[in-house]
PDB file of N, CA and C in Angstrom:
ATOM      1  N   MET A   1       1.132  -1.307   0.433  1.00  0.00           N
ATOM      2  CA  MET A   1      -0.322   0.178  -0.340  1.00  0.00           C
ATOM      3  C   MET A   1       0.824   1.279   0.035  1.00  0.00           C
ATOM      4  N   LEU A   2       2.404   1.249   0.300  1.00  0.00           N
ATOM      5  CA  LEU A   2       2.951   2.368   0.442  1.00  0.00           C
ATOM      6  C   LEU A   2       3.478   2.543  -0.790  1.00  0.00           C
ATOM      7  N   TYR A   3       3.111   1.846  -2.372  1.00  0.00           N
ATOM      8  CA  TYR A   3       3.525   2.088  -3.289  1.00  0.00           C
ATOM      9  C   TYR A   3       2.691   2.944  -4.142  1.00  0.00           C
ATOM     10  N   ALA A   4       2.816   4.000  -5.323  1.00  0.00           N
ATOM     11  CA  ALA A   4       2.425   4.287  -6.091  1.00  0.00           C
ATOM     12  C   ALA A   4       1.999   3.406  -6.822  1.00  0.00           C
ATOM     13  N   GLU A   5       0.844   4.139  -7.722  1.00  0.00           N
ATOM     14  CA  GLU A   5       0.415   2.954  -8.960  1.00  0.00           C
ATOM     15  C   GLU A   5       0.506   4.261 -10.407  1.00  0.00           C
ATOM     16  N   PRO A   6       1.288   3.870 -11.447  1.00  0.00           N
ATOM     17  CA  PRO A   6       2.284   3.389 -11.469  1.00  0.00           C
ATOM     18  C   PRO A   6       3.475   3.668 -10.916  1.00  0.00           C
ATOM     19  N   SER A   7       4.549   2.594 -10.349  1.00  0.00           N
ATOM     20  CA  SER A   7       5.432   2.613 -10.282  1.00  0.00           C
ATOM     21  C   SER A   7       6.815   1.770 -10.240  1.00  0.00           C
ATOM     22  N   GLY A   8       8.066   1.956  -9.365  1.00  0.00           N
ATOM     23  CA  GLY A   8       8.887   0.903 -10.265  1.00  0.00           C
ATOM     24  C   GLY A   8      10.219   0.766  -9.222  1.00  0.00           C
ATOM     25  N   ILE A   9      11.028  -0.329  -9.742  1.00  0.00           N
ATOM     26  CA  ILE A   9      12.420  -0.061  -8.839  1.00  0.00           C
ATOM     27  C   ILE A   9      13.481  -0.454  -9.711  1.00  0.00           C
ATOM     28  N   ALA A  10      14.363   0.149  -9.880  1.00  0.00           N
ATOM     29  CA  ALA A  10      15.797  -0.431 -10.275  1.00  0.00           C
ATOM     30  C   ALA A  10      16.754  -0.774  -9.422  1.00  0.00           C
ATOM     31  N   GLN A  11      17.500  -1.854 -10.162  1.00  0.00           N
ATOM     32  CA  GLN A  11      18.276  -2.715  -9.025  1.00  0.00           C
ATOM     33  C   GLN A  11      19.217  -3.193 -10.401  1.00  0.00           C
ATOM     34  N   ASP A  12      20.458  -3.571  -9.980  1.00  0.00           N
ATOM     35  CA  ASP A  12      21.149  -4.701 -10.500  1.00  0.00           C
ATOM     36  C   ASP A  12      21.222  -4.183 -12.379  1.00  0.00           C
ATOM     37  N   GLY A  13      21.351  -2.583 -12.235  1.00  0.00           N
ATOM     38  CA  GLY A  13      21.135  -2.026 -13.570  1.00  0.00           C
ATOM     39  C   GLY A  13      19.886  -2.210 -14.537  1.00  0.00           C
ATOM     40  N   ARG A  14      18.791  -2.699 -13.618  1.00  0.00           N
ATOM     41  CA  ARG A  14      17.935  -2.566 -14.802  1.00  0.00           C
ATOM     42  C   ARG A  14      16.846  -1.835 -14.048  1.00  0.00           C
ATOM     43  N   TYR A  15      15.576  -1.684 -14.734  1.00  0.00           N
ATOM     44  CA  TYR A  15      14.690  -0.909 -14.367  1.00  0.00           C
ATOM     45  C   TYR A  15      13.337  -1.295 -14.334  1.00  0.00           C
ATOM     46  N   THR A  16      12.917  -1.988 -13.435  1.00  0.00           N
ATOM     47  CA  THR A  16      11.130  -2.216 -13.222  1.00  0.00           C
ATOM     48  C   THR A  16      10.131  -1.759 -13.286  1.00  0.00           C
ATOM     49  N   HIS A  17       9.311  -1.425 -14.379  1.00  0.00           N
ATOM     50  CA  HIS A  17       7.930  -1.025 -14.021  1.00  0.00           C
ATOM     51  C   HIS A  17       7.046  -1.454 -13.822  1.00  0.00           C
ATOM     52  N   TRP A  18       6.593  -1.263 -13.111  1.00  0.00           N
ATOM     53  CA  TRP A  18       5.141  -1.305 -11.977  1.00  0.00           C
ATOM     54  C   TRP A  18       3.902  -0.752 -11.990  1.00  0.00           C
ATOM     55  N   PRO A  19       3.228  -1.673 -12.753  1.00  0.00           N
ATOM     56  CA  PRO A  19       1.842  -0.651 -13.763  1.00  0.00           C
ATOM     57  C   PRO A  19       0.742  -0.685 -12.929  1.00  0.00           C
ATOM     58  N   ASN A  20       0.999  -1.533 -11.782  1.00  0.00           N
ATOM     59  CA  ASN A  20      -0.179  -1.243 -10.640  1.00  0.00           C
ATOM     60  C   ASN A  20       0.518  -2.516  -9.265  1.00  0.00           C
ATOM     61  N   ARG A  21      -0.236  -2.584  -8.645  1.00  0.00           N
ATOM     62  CA  ARG A  21      -0.231  -2.974  -7.602  1.00  0.00           C
ATOM     63  C   ARG A  21       0.050  -4.654  -7.613  1.00  0.00           C
ATOM     64  N   VAL A  22      -0.514  -4.847  -8.282  1.00  0.00           N
ATOM     65  CA  VAL A  22      -0.649  -6.429  -8.163  1.00  0.00           C
ATOM     66  C   VAL A  22       1.312  -7.151  -8.469  1.00  0.00           C
ATOM     67  N   PRO A  23       2.081  -6.754  -9.528  1.00  0.00           N
ATOM     68  CA  PRO A  23       3.810  -7.015  -9.251  1.00  0.00           C
ATOM     69  C   PRO A  23       4.153  -6.670  -8.304  1.00  0.00           C
ATOM     70  N   VAL A  24       3.792  -5.326  -7.054  1.00  0.00           N
ATOM     71  CA  VAL A  24       4.690  -4.896  -5.981  1.00  0.00           C
ATOM     72  C   VAL A  24       4.578  -5.263  -5.027  1.00  0.00           C
ATOM     73  N   GLN A  25       3.244  -6.356  -5.360  1.00  0.00           N
ATOM     74  CA  GLN A  25       2.903  -7.100  -4.204  1.00  0.00           C
ATOM     75  C   GLN A  25       3.470  -8.572  -4.701  1.00  0.00           C
ATOM     76  N   GLU A  26       3.519  -8.853  -5.197  1.00  0.00           N
ATOM     77  CA  GLU A  26       4.206 -10.346  -6.044  1.00  0.00           C
ATOM     78  C   GLU A  26       5.855 -10.232  -5.595  1.00  0.00           C
ATOM     79  N   ASN A  27       6.727  -8.656  -6.062  1.00  0.00           N
ATOM     80  CA  ASN A  27       7.630  -8.464  -5.624  1.00  0.00           C
ATOM     81  C   ASN A  27       7.884  -8.608  -4.402  1.00  0.00           C
ATOM     82  N   MET A  28       7.269  -8.149  -3.211  1.00  0.00           N
ATOM     83  CA  MET A  28       7.287  -7.791  -1.949  1.00  0.00           C
ATOM     84  C   MET A  28       7.305  -9.704  -1.104  1.00  0.00           C
ATOM     85  N   GLU A  29       6.419 -10.113  -1.743  1.00  0.00           N
ATOM     86  CA  GLU A  29       6.011 -11.647  -1.289  1.00  0.00           C
ATOM     87  C   GLU A  29       7.215 -12.480  -1.364  1.00  0.00           C
ATOM     88  N   ALA A  30       7.974 -12.326  -2.839  1.00  0.00           N
ATOM     89  CA  ALA A  30       9.106 -13.397  -2.671  1.00  0.00           C
ATOM     90  C   ALA A  30      10.187 -12.649  -1.883  1.00  0.00           C
ATOM     91  N   LEU A  31      10.193 -11.349  -1.575  1.00  0.00           N
ATOM     92  CA  LEU A  31      11.442 -10.760  -1.543  1.00  0.00           C
ATOM     93  C   LEU A  31      11.221 -11.387   0.186  1.00  0.00           C
ATOM     94  N   CYS A  32      10.065 -11.309   0.713  1.00  0.00           N
ATOM     95  CA  CYS A  32       9.631 -11.551   2.646  1.00  0.00           C
ATOM     96  C   CYS A  32       9.957 -13.522   2.216  1.00  0.00           C
ATOM     97  N   GLN A  33       9.562 -13.849   1.481  1.00  0.00           N
ATOM     98  CA  GLN A  33       9.721 -16.108   1.236  1.00  0.00           C
ATOM     99  C   GLN A  33      11.530 -15.676   1.224  1.00  0.00           C
ATOM    100  N   MET A  34      12.485 -14.988   0.786  1.00  0.00           N
ATOM    101  CA  MET A  34      13.448 -15.378   0.988  1.00  0.00           C
ATOM    102  C   MET A  34      14.565 -14.997   1.960  1.00  0.00           C
ATOM    103  N   TYR A  35      13.879 -13.907   2.490  1.00  0.00           N
ATOM    104  CA  TYR A  35      14.089 -13.444   3.835  1.00  0.00           C
ATOM    105  C   TYR A  35      14.290 -14.484   5.042  1.00  0.00           C
ATOM    106  N   ARG A  36      12.767 -14.746   4.725  1.00  0.00           N
ATOM    107  CA  ARG A  36      12.441 -15.721   6.001  1.00  0.00           C
ATOM    108  C   ARG A  36      13.291 -17.294   5.542  1.00  0.00           C
ATOM    109  N   ASN A  37      13.243 -17.939   4.802  1.00  0.00           N
ATOM    110  CA  ASN A  37      14.499 -18.957   4.158  1.00  0.00           C
ATOM    111  C   ASN A  37      15.864 -18.876   4.381  1.00  0.00           C
ATOM    112  N   LYS A  38      16.164 -17.765   4.968  1.00  0.00           N
ATOM    113  CA  LYS A  38      17.625 -16.948   5.043  1.00  0.00           C
ATOM    114  C   LYS A  38      17.294 -17.082   6.542  1.00  0.00           C
ATOM    115  N   GLY A  39      16.229 -16.848   7.627  1.00  0.00           N
ATOM    116  CA  GLY A  39      16.073 -17.012   8.497  1.00  0.00           C
ATOM    117  C   GLY A  39      16.054 -15.849   9.619  1.00  0.00           C
ATOM    118  N   PHE A  40      15.115 -14.900   8.404  1.00  0.00           N
ATOM    119  CA  PHE A  40      14.656 -13.408   9.240  1.00  0.00           C
ATOM    120  C   PHE A  40      14.050 -13.379  10.535  1.00  0.00           C
ATOM    121  N   VAL A  41      14.785 -11.990  11.164  1.00  0.00           N
ATOM    122  CA  VAL A  41      14.546 -12.267  12.517  1.00  0.00           C
ATOM    123  C   VAL A  41      14.138 -10.882  12.857  1.00  0.00           C
ATOM    124  N   ARG A  42      14.406 -10.025  12.281  1.00  0.00           N
ATOM    125  CA  ARG A  42      13.776  -8.557  12.344  1.00  0.00           C
ATOM    126  C   ARG A  42      14.545  -7.437  11.083  1.00  0.00           C
ATOM    127  N   ALA A  43      13.883  -6.402  10.966  1.00  0.00           N
ATOM    128  CA  ALA A  43      14.517  -5.026  10.166  1.00  0.00           C
ATOM    129  C   ALA A  43      14.049  -4.262  10.824  1.00  0.00           C
ATOM    130  N   ASP A  44      15.029  -3.309  10.419  1.00  0.00           N
ATOM    131  CA  ASP A  44      15.502  -1.631  11.210  1.00  0.00           C
ATOM    132  C   ASP A  44      15.804  -0.541  10.341  1.00  0.00           C
ATOM    133  N   PHE A  45      15.551   0.281  10.366  1.00  0.00           N
ATOM    134  CA  PHE A  45      15.765   1.721   9.506  1.00  0.00           C
ATOM    135  C   PHE A  45      16.270   2.824  10.130  1.00  0.00           C
ATOM    136  N   GLU A  46      17.549   3.644   9.856  1.00  0.00           N
ATOM    137  CA  GLU A  46      17.633   4.653  10.059  1.00  0.00           C
ATOM    138  C   GLU A  46      17.634   5.879   8.930  1.00  0.00           C
ATOM    139  N   LEU A  47      16.909   7.055   9.512  1.00  0.00           N
ATOM    140  CA  LEU A  47      16.852   7.968   7.779  1.00  0.00           C
ATOM    141  C   LEU A  47      18.206   7.794   7.282  1.00  0.00           C
ATOM    142  N   GLY A  48      18.998   8.578   6.572  1.00  0.00           N
ATOM    143  CA  GLY A  48      19.968   8.798   6.091  1.00  0.00           C
ATOM    144  C   GLY A  48      19.949  10.021   5.537  1.00  0.00           C
ATOM    145  N   GLN A  49      19.669  10.237   4.371  1.00  0.00           N
ATOM    146  CA  GLN A  49      19.273  11.687   3.738  1.00  0.00           C
ATOM    147  C   GLN A  49      18.084  12.068   3.212  1.00  0.00           C
ATOM    148  N   PHE A  50      17.656  13.165   3.926  1.00  0.00           N
ATOM    149  CA  PHE A  50      16.311  13.577   3.040  1.00  0.00           C
ATOM    150  C   PHE A  50      15.869  14.703   2.370  1.00  0.00           C
ATOM    151  N   ILE A  51      15.447  14.621   0.973  1.00  0.00           N
ATOM    152  CA  ILE A  51      15.817  16.030   0.229  1.00  0.00           C
ATOM    153  C   ILE A  51      13.968  16.101  -0.333  1.00  0.00           C
ATOM    154  N   ASP A  52      13.999  17.518   0.702  1.00  0.00           N
ATOM    155  CA  ASP A  52      12.774  17.538  -0.208  1.00  0.00           C
ATOM    156  C   ASP A  52      12.576  18.587  -1.219  1.00  0.00           C
ATOM    157  N   GLN A  53      11.579  18.173  -2.135  1.00  0.00           N
ATOM    158  CA  GLN A  53      11.472  18.614  -3.340  1.00  0.00           C
ATOM    159  C   GLN A  53      10.447  19.659  -3.593  1.00  0.00           C
ATOM    160  N   GLY A  54       9.462  20.121  -2.796  1.00  0.00           N
ATOM    161  CA  GLY A  54       8.702  20.851  -2.774  1.00  0.00           C
ATOM    162  C   GLY A  54       7.233  20.025  -1.987  1.00  0.00           C
ATOM    163  N   GLU A  55       6.065  20.249  -2.390  1.00  0.00           N
ATOM    164  CA  GLU A  55       5.122  19.965  -2.034  1.00  0.00           C
ATOM    165  C   GLU A  55       4.628  18.527  -1.685  1.00  0.00           C
ATOM    166  N   GLN A  56       5.018  18.342  -3.659  1.00  0.00           N
ATOM    167  CA  GLN A  56       4.367  16.802  -4.017  1.00  0.00           C
ATOM    168  C   GLN A  56       5.640  15.730  -4.469  1.00  0.00           C
ATOM    169  N   PHE A  57       7.125  16.263  -4.104  1.00  0.00           N
ATOM    170  CA  PHE A  57       8.141  15.013  -3.825  1.00  0.00           C
ATOM    171  C   PHE A  57       9.049  15.169  -3.143  1.00  0.00           C
ATOM    172  N   ALA A  58       9.840  13.893  -2.718  1.00  0.00           N
ATOM    173  CA  ALA A  58      10.714  13.942  -1.370  1.00  0.00           C
ATOM    174  C   ALA A  58      11.336  12.616  -2.135  1.00  0.00           C
ATOM    175  N   VAL A  59      13.241  12.660  -1.977  1.00  0.00           N
ATOM    176  CA  VAL A  59      13.937  11.455  -2.108  1.00  0.00           C
ATOM    177  C   VAL A  59      13.846  11.189  -0.471  1.00  0.00           C
ATOM    178  N   ALA A  60      14.250   9.830  -0.096  1.00  0.00           N
ATOM    179  CA  ALA A  60      14.577   9.547   1.305  1.00  0.00           C
ATOM    180  C   ALA A  60      15.654   8.696   0.450  1.00  0.00           C
ATOM    181  N   ASP A  61      16.753   8.728   1.889  1.00  0.00           N
ATOM    182  CA  ASP A  61      17.736   7.298   1.302  1.00  0.00           C
ATOM    183  C   ASP A  61      17.582   7.090   2.961  1.00  0.00           C
ATOM    184  N   LEU A  62      17.442   5.107   2.860  1.00  0.00           N
ATOM    185  CA  LEU A  62      17.501   4.446   4.136  1.00  0.00           C
ATOM    186  C   LEU A  62      18.676   4.055   4.307  1.00  0.00           C
ATOM    187  N   GLN A  63      19.199   3.657   5.621  1.00  0.00           N
ATOM    188  CA  GLN A  63      19.782   2.721   6.072  1.00  0.00           C
ATOM    189  C   GLN A  63      19.506   1.401   6.405  1.00  0.00           C
ATOM    190  N   TRP A  64      19.018   0.511   6.078  1.00  0.00           N
ATOM    191  CA  TRP A  64      18.349  -1.039   6.821  1.00  0.00           C
ATOM    192  C   TRP A  64      19.383  -1.443   7.771  1.00  0.00           C
ATOM    193  N   GLN A  65      18.881  -2.153   8.385  1.00  0.00           N
ATOM    194  CA  GLN A  65      19.464  -3.748   9.122  1.00  0.00           C
ATOM    195  C   GLN A  65      19.033  -4.803   9.225  1.00  0.00           C
ATOM    196  N   ILE A  66      18.912  -5.699   8.748  1.00  0.00           N
ATOM    197  CA  ILE A  66      18.445  -6.901   8.419  1.00  0.00           C
ATOM    198  C   ILE A  66      18.992  -8.207   9.567  1.00  0.00           C
ATOM    199  N   ASP A  67      18.640  -8.541  10.314  1.00  0.00           N
ATOM    200  CA  ASP A  67      19.187  -9.725  11.240  1.00  0.00           C
ATOM    201  C   ASP A  67      18.856 -10.849  11.247  1.00  0.00           C
ATOM    202  N   TRP A  68      19.721 -11.888  11.527  1.00  0.00           N
ATOM    203  CA  TRP A  68      19.179 -13.284  10.988  1.00  0.00           C
ATOM    204  C   TRP A  68      19.232 -14.370  12.013  1.00  0.00           C
ATOM    205  N   ASP A  69      18.834 -15.522  12.107  1.00  0.00           N
ATOM    206  CA  ASP A  69      19.012 -16.360  13.256  1.00  0.00           C
ATOM    207  C   ASP A  69      20.446 -16.735  13.265  1.00  0.00           C
ATOM    208  N   ARG A  70      20.513 -17.811  13.436  1.00  0.00           N
ATOM    209  CA  ARG A  70      21.650 -18.733  13.026  1.00  0.00           C
ATOM    210  C   ARG A  70      23.293 -17.983  13.863  1.00  0.00           C
ATOM    211  N   ASP A  71      23.165 -16.881  13.985  1.00  0.00           N
ATOM    212  CA  ASP A  71      24.368 -16.520  14.408  1.00  0.00           C
ATOM    213  C   ASP A  71      25.030 -16.091  13.183  1.00  0.00           C
ATOM    214  N   GLN A  72      23.863 -15.716  12.034  1.00  0.00           N
ATOM    215  CA  GLN A  72      24.873 -14.684  10.744  1.00  0.00           C
ATOM    216  C   GLN A  72      24.884 -13.503  10.802  1.00  0.00           C
ATOM    217  N   ASP A  73      26.003 -12.974  10.313  1.00  0.00           N
ATOM    218  CA  ASP A  73      25.847 -11.633  10.236  1.00  0.00           C
ATOM    219  C   ASP A  73      24.685 -10.534   9.832  1.00  0.00           C
ATOM    220  N   SER A  74      24.363  -9.761  10.345  1.00  0.00           N
ATOM    221  CA  SER A  74      23.325  -8.798   9.934  1.00  0.00           C
ATOM    222  C   SER A  74      23.771  -8.572   8.412  1.00  0.00           C
ATOM    223  N   TRP A  75      22.841  -8.087   7.565  1.00  0.00           N
ATOM    224  CA  TRP A  75      22.972  -7.021   6.292  1.00  0.00           C
ATOM    225  C   TRP A  75      22.753  -5.692   6.840  1.00  0.00           C
ATOM    226  N   ARG A  76      23.872  -4.533   5.968  1.00  0.00           N
ATOM    227  CA  ARG A  76      23.508  -3.435   6.502  1.00  0.00           C
ATOM    228  C   ARG A  76      23.660  -3.165   4.683  1.00  0.00           C
ATOM    229  N   PHE A  77      22.476  -2.073   4.073  1.00  0.00           N
ATOM    230  CA  PHE A  77      22.807  -1.917   3.531  1.00  0.00           C
ATOM    231  C   PHE A  77      21.404  -0.750   3.323  1.00  0.00           C
ATOM    232  N   ARG A  78      22.011   0.034   2.067  1.00  0.00           N
ATOM    233  CA  ARG A  78      20.864   1.110   1.377  1.00  0.00           C
ATOM    234  C   ARG A  78      20.035   0.959   0.541  1.00  0.00           C
ATOM    235  N   THR A  79      19.161   1.855   0.477  1.00  0.00           N
ATOM    236  CA  THR A  79      17.936   2.228  -0.599  1.00  0.00           C
ATOM    237  C   THR A  79      17.672   3.739  -0.331  1.00  0.00           C
ATOM    238  N   THR A  80      16.916   4.150  -1.573  1.00  0.00           N
ATOM    239  CA  THR A  80      16.723   5.318  -2.108  1.00  0.00           C
ATOM    240  C   THR A  80      15.442   5.003  -2.945  1.00  0.00           C
ATOM    241  N   TYR A  81      14.293   6.069  -1.923  1.00  0.00           N
ATOM    242  CA  TYR A  81      12.955   6.019  -2.594  1.00  0.00           C
ATOM    243  C   TYR A  81      12.550   7.232  -2.490  1.00  0.00           C
ATOM    244  N   ASN A  82      12.229   7.489  -4.010  1.00  0.00           N
ATOM    245  CA  ASN A  82      11.914   8.600  -4.849  1.00  0.00           C
ATOM    246  C   ASN A  82      10.226   8.817  -4.284  1.00  0.00           C
ATOM    247  N   LEU A  83       9.856   9.698  -3.768  1.00  0.00           N
ATOM    248  CA  LEU A  83       8.509   9.961  -3.385  1.00  0.00           C
ATOM    249  C   LEU A  83       7.630  10.781  -4.154  1.00  0.00           C
ATOM    250  N   VAL A  84       6.324  10.646  -3.717  1.00  0.00           N
ATOM    251  CA  VAL A  84       5.274  11.706  -4.358  1.00  0.00           C
ATOM    252  C   VAL A  84       4.154  11.190  -3.477  1.00  0.00           C
ATOM    253  N   TYR A  85       3.298  13.015  -3.145  1.00  0.00           N
ATOM    254  CA  TYR A  85       2.746  13.260  -2.610  1.00  0.00           C
ATOM    255  C   TYR A  85       1.287  12.820  -3.386  1.00  0.00           C
ATOM    256  N   THR A  86      -0.148  11.940  -2.704  1.00  0.00           N
ATOM    257  CA  THR A  86      -0.790  11.824  -3.574  1.00  0.00           C
ATOM    258  C   THR A  86      -2.158  12.390  -2.986  1.00  0.00           C
ATOM    259  N   GLY A  87      -3.256  11.666  -3.273  1.00  0.00           N
ATOM    260  CA  GLY A  87      -4.651  11.731  -2.720  1.00  0.00           C
ATOM    261  C   GLY A  87      -4.452  11.492  -1.322  1.00  0.00           C
ATOM    262  N   LYS A  88      -3.827  10.329  -1.322  1.00  0.00           N
ATOM    263  CA  LYS A  88      -3.966   8.827  -0.195  1.00  0.00           C
ATOM    264  C   LYS A  88      -2.920   9.098   0.661  1.00  0.00           C
ATOM    265  N   GLY A  89      -1.783  10.626   0.490  1.00  0.00           N
ATOM    266  CA  GLY A  89      -0.550  10.739   1.467  1.00  0.00           C
ATOM    267  C   GLY A  89       0.828  10.253   0.208  1.00  0.00           C
ATOM    268  N   TRP A  90       2.056  10.186   0.999  1.00  0.00           N
ATOM    269  CA  TRP A  90       3.039   9.696   0.623  1.00  0.00           C
ATOM    270  C   TRP A  90       3.164   8.642   0.031  1.00  0.00           C
ATOM    271  N   LYS A  91       3.963   8.298  -1.474  1.00  0.00           N
ATOM    272  CA  LYS A  91       3.371   7.078  -2.177  1.00  0.00           C
ATOM    273  C   LYS A  91       4.801   6.809  -2.527  1.00  0.00           C
ATOM    274  N   VAL A  92       5.475   5.355  -2.197  1.00  0.00           N
ATOM    275  CA  VAL A  92       6.911   5.614  -2.979  1.00  0.00           C
ATOM    276  C   VAL A  92       6.757   5.188  -5.076  1.00  0.00           C
ATOM    277  N   LEU A  93       6.924   6.522  -5.426  1.00  0.00           N
ATOM    278  CA  LEU A  93       7.323   6.019  -6.801  1.00  0.00           C
ATOM    279  C   LEU A  93       7.791   5.078  -7.563  1.00  0.00           C
ATOM    280  N   LEU A  94       9.675   5.351  -7.078  1.00  0.00           N
ATOM    281  CA  LEU A  94      11.264   4.870  -7.628  1.00  0.00           C
ATOM    282  C   LEU A  94      11.483   3.915  -6.061  1.00  0.00           C
ATOM    283  N   CYS A  95      11.823   2.875  -6.113  1.00  0.00           N
ATOM    284  CA  CYS A  95      13.066   2.459  -4.747  1.00  0.00           C
ATOM    285  C   CYS A  95      14.280   1.897  -5.993  1.00  0.00           C
ATOM    286  N   THR A  96      15.024   2.273  -5.160  1.00  0.00           N
ATOM    287  CA  THR A  96      16.633   2.491  -5.998  1.00  0.00           C
ATOM    288  C   THR A  96      17.132   1.405  -4.607  1.00  0.00           C
ATOM    289  N   ALA A  97      17.235   0.282  -5.291  1.00  0.00           N
ATOM    290  CA  ALA A  97      18.062  -0.574  -4.305  1.00  0.00           C
ATOM    291  C   ALA A  97      19.216  -0.555  -5.049  1.00  0.00           C
ATOM    292  N   TYR A  98      20.294   0.158  -3.979  1.00  0.00           N
ATOM    293  CA  TYR A  98      21.610   0.071  -5.225  1.00  0.00           C
ATOM    294  C   TYR A  98      22.908  -0.492  -3.667  1.00  0.00           C
ATOM    295  N   THR A  99      22.214  -1.348  -2.837  1.00  0.00           N
ATOM    296  CA  THR A  99      23.650  -2.216  -2.419  1.00  0.00           C
ATOM    297  C   THR A  99      23.240  -3.624  -1.557  1.00  0.00           C
ATOM    298  N   GLU A 100      21.849  -3.686  -1.828  1.00  0.00           N
ATOM    299  CA  GLU A 100      21.469  -5.093  -1.175  1.00  0.00           C
ATOM    300  C   GLU A 100      21.822  -6.099  -2.070  1.00  0.00           C
ATOM    301  N   ALA A 101      21.575  -5.929  -3.510  1.00  0.00           N
ATOM    302  CA  ALA A 101      22.165  -7.176  -4.077  1.00  0.00           C
ATOM    303  C   ALA A 101      23.405  -7.759  -4.393  1.00  0.00           C
ATOM    304  N   ALA A 102      24.393  -6.849  -3.592  1.00  0.00           N
ATOM    305  CA  ALA A 102      25.589  -7.500  -3.518  1.00  0.00           C
ATOM    306  C   ALA A 102      25.713  -8.112  -2.519  1.00  0.00           C
ATOM    307  N   LEU A 103      24.762  -7.790  -1.369  1.00  0.00           N
ATOM    308  CA  LEU A 103      25.125  -9.026   0.022  1.00  0.00           C
ATOM    309  C   LEU A 103      24.604 -10.455  -0.967  1.00  0.00           C
ATOM    310  N   PHE A 104      23.250 -10.172  -1.763  1.00  0.00           N
ATOM    311  CA  PHE A 104      22.701 -11.505  -2.294  1.00  0.00           C
ATOM    312  C   PHE A 104      23.751 -12.554  -2.623  1.00  0.00           C
ATOM    313  N   ASN A 105      24.450 -11.033  -3.719  1.00  0.00           N
ATOM    314  CA  ASN A 105      25.522 -12.048  -4.784  1.00  0.00           C
ATOM    315  C   ASN A 105      26.546 -12.298  -3.962  1.00  0.00           C
ATOM    316  N   ALA A 106      27.184 -12.078  -2.691  1.00  0.00           N
ATOM    317  CA  ALA A 106      28.259 -12.673  -2.441  1.00  0.00           C
ATOM    318  C   ALA A 106      27.719 -14.220  -1.687  1.00  0.00           C
ATOM    319  N   GLU A 107      26.355 -13.440  -1.141  1.00  0.00           N
ATOM    320  CA  GLU A 107      26.448 -15.025  -0.649  1.00  0.00           C
ATOM    321  C   GLU A 107      26.229 -16.208  -1.682  1.00  0.00           C
ATOM    322  N   ARG A 108      25.808 -15.680  -2.412  1.00  0.00           N
ATOM    323  CA  ARG A 108      25.842 -16.873  -3.451  1.00  0.00           C
ATOM    324  C   ARG A 108      26.957 -17.593  -4.041  1.00  0.00           C
ATOM    325  N   VAL A 109      28.152 -16.515  -4.002  1.00  0.00           N
ATOM    326  CA  VAL A 109      29.132 -17.457  -3.941  1.00  0.00           C
ATOM    327  C   VAL A 109      30.347 -17.761  -3.131  1.00  0.00           C
ATOM    328  N   ALA A 110      29.468 -17.646  -1.717  1.00  0.00           N
ATOM    329  CA  ALA A 110      30.266 -18.220  -0.926  1.00  0.00           C
ATOM    330  C   ALA A 110      29.750 -19.891  -0.463  1.00  0.00           C
TER     331      ALA A 110
END
């Protein structure tokens, strides 16, 4: 419900357009399943930077921390969200996942 329609994600050098909420939900469900399979315990974030772009737009860069079970090291990564103000409040227009993929890729190699 936090994503605008349409919206998108930029990750691994690619842009994926989400014309409506269905592919957003499918993406989030797949991500949550991957996290559960890895041993997700909790997620937390801190605001890194915030750029106010007038009344209808803003950019927020978040520092995420994901904690895992079985004494696995926590993941720390950043994600930027381009926000748009709609009649239903602030929504994510574009998610730029610019460091999380490196963690997934490093784990596949290990």
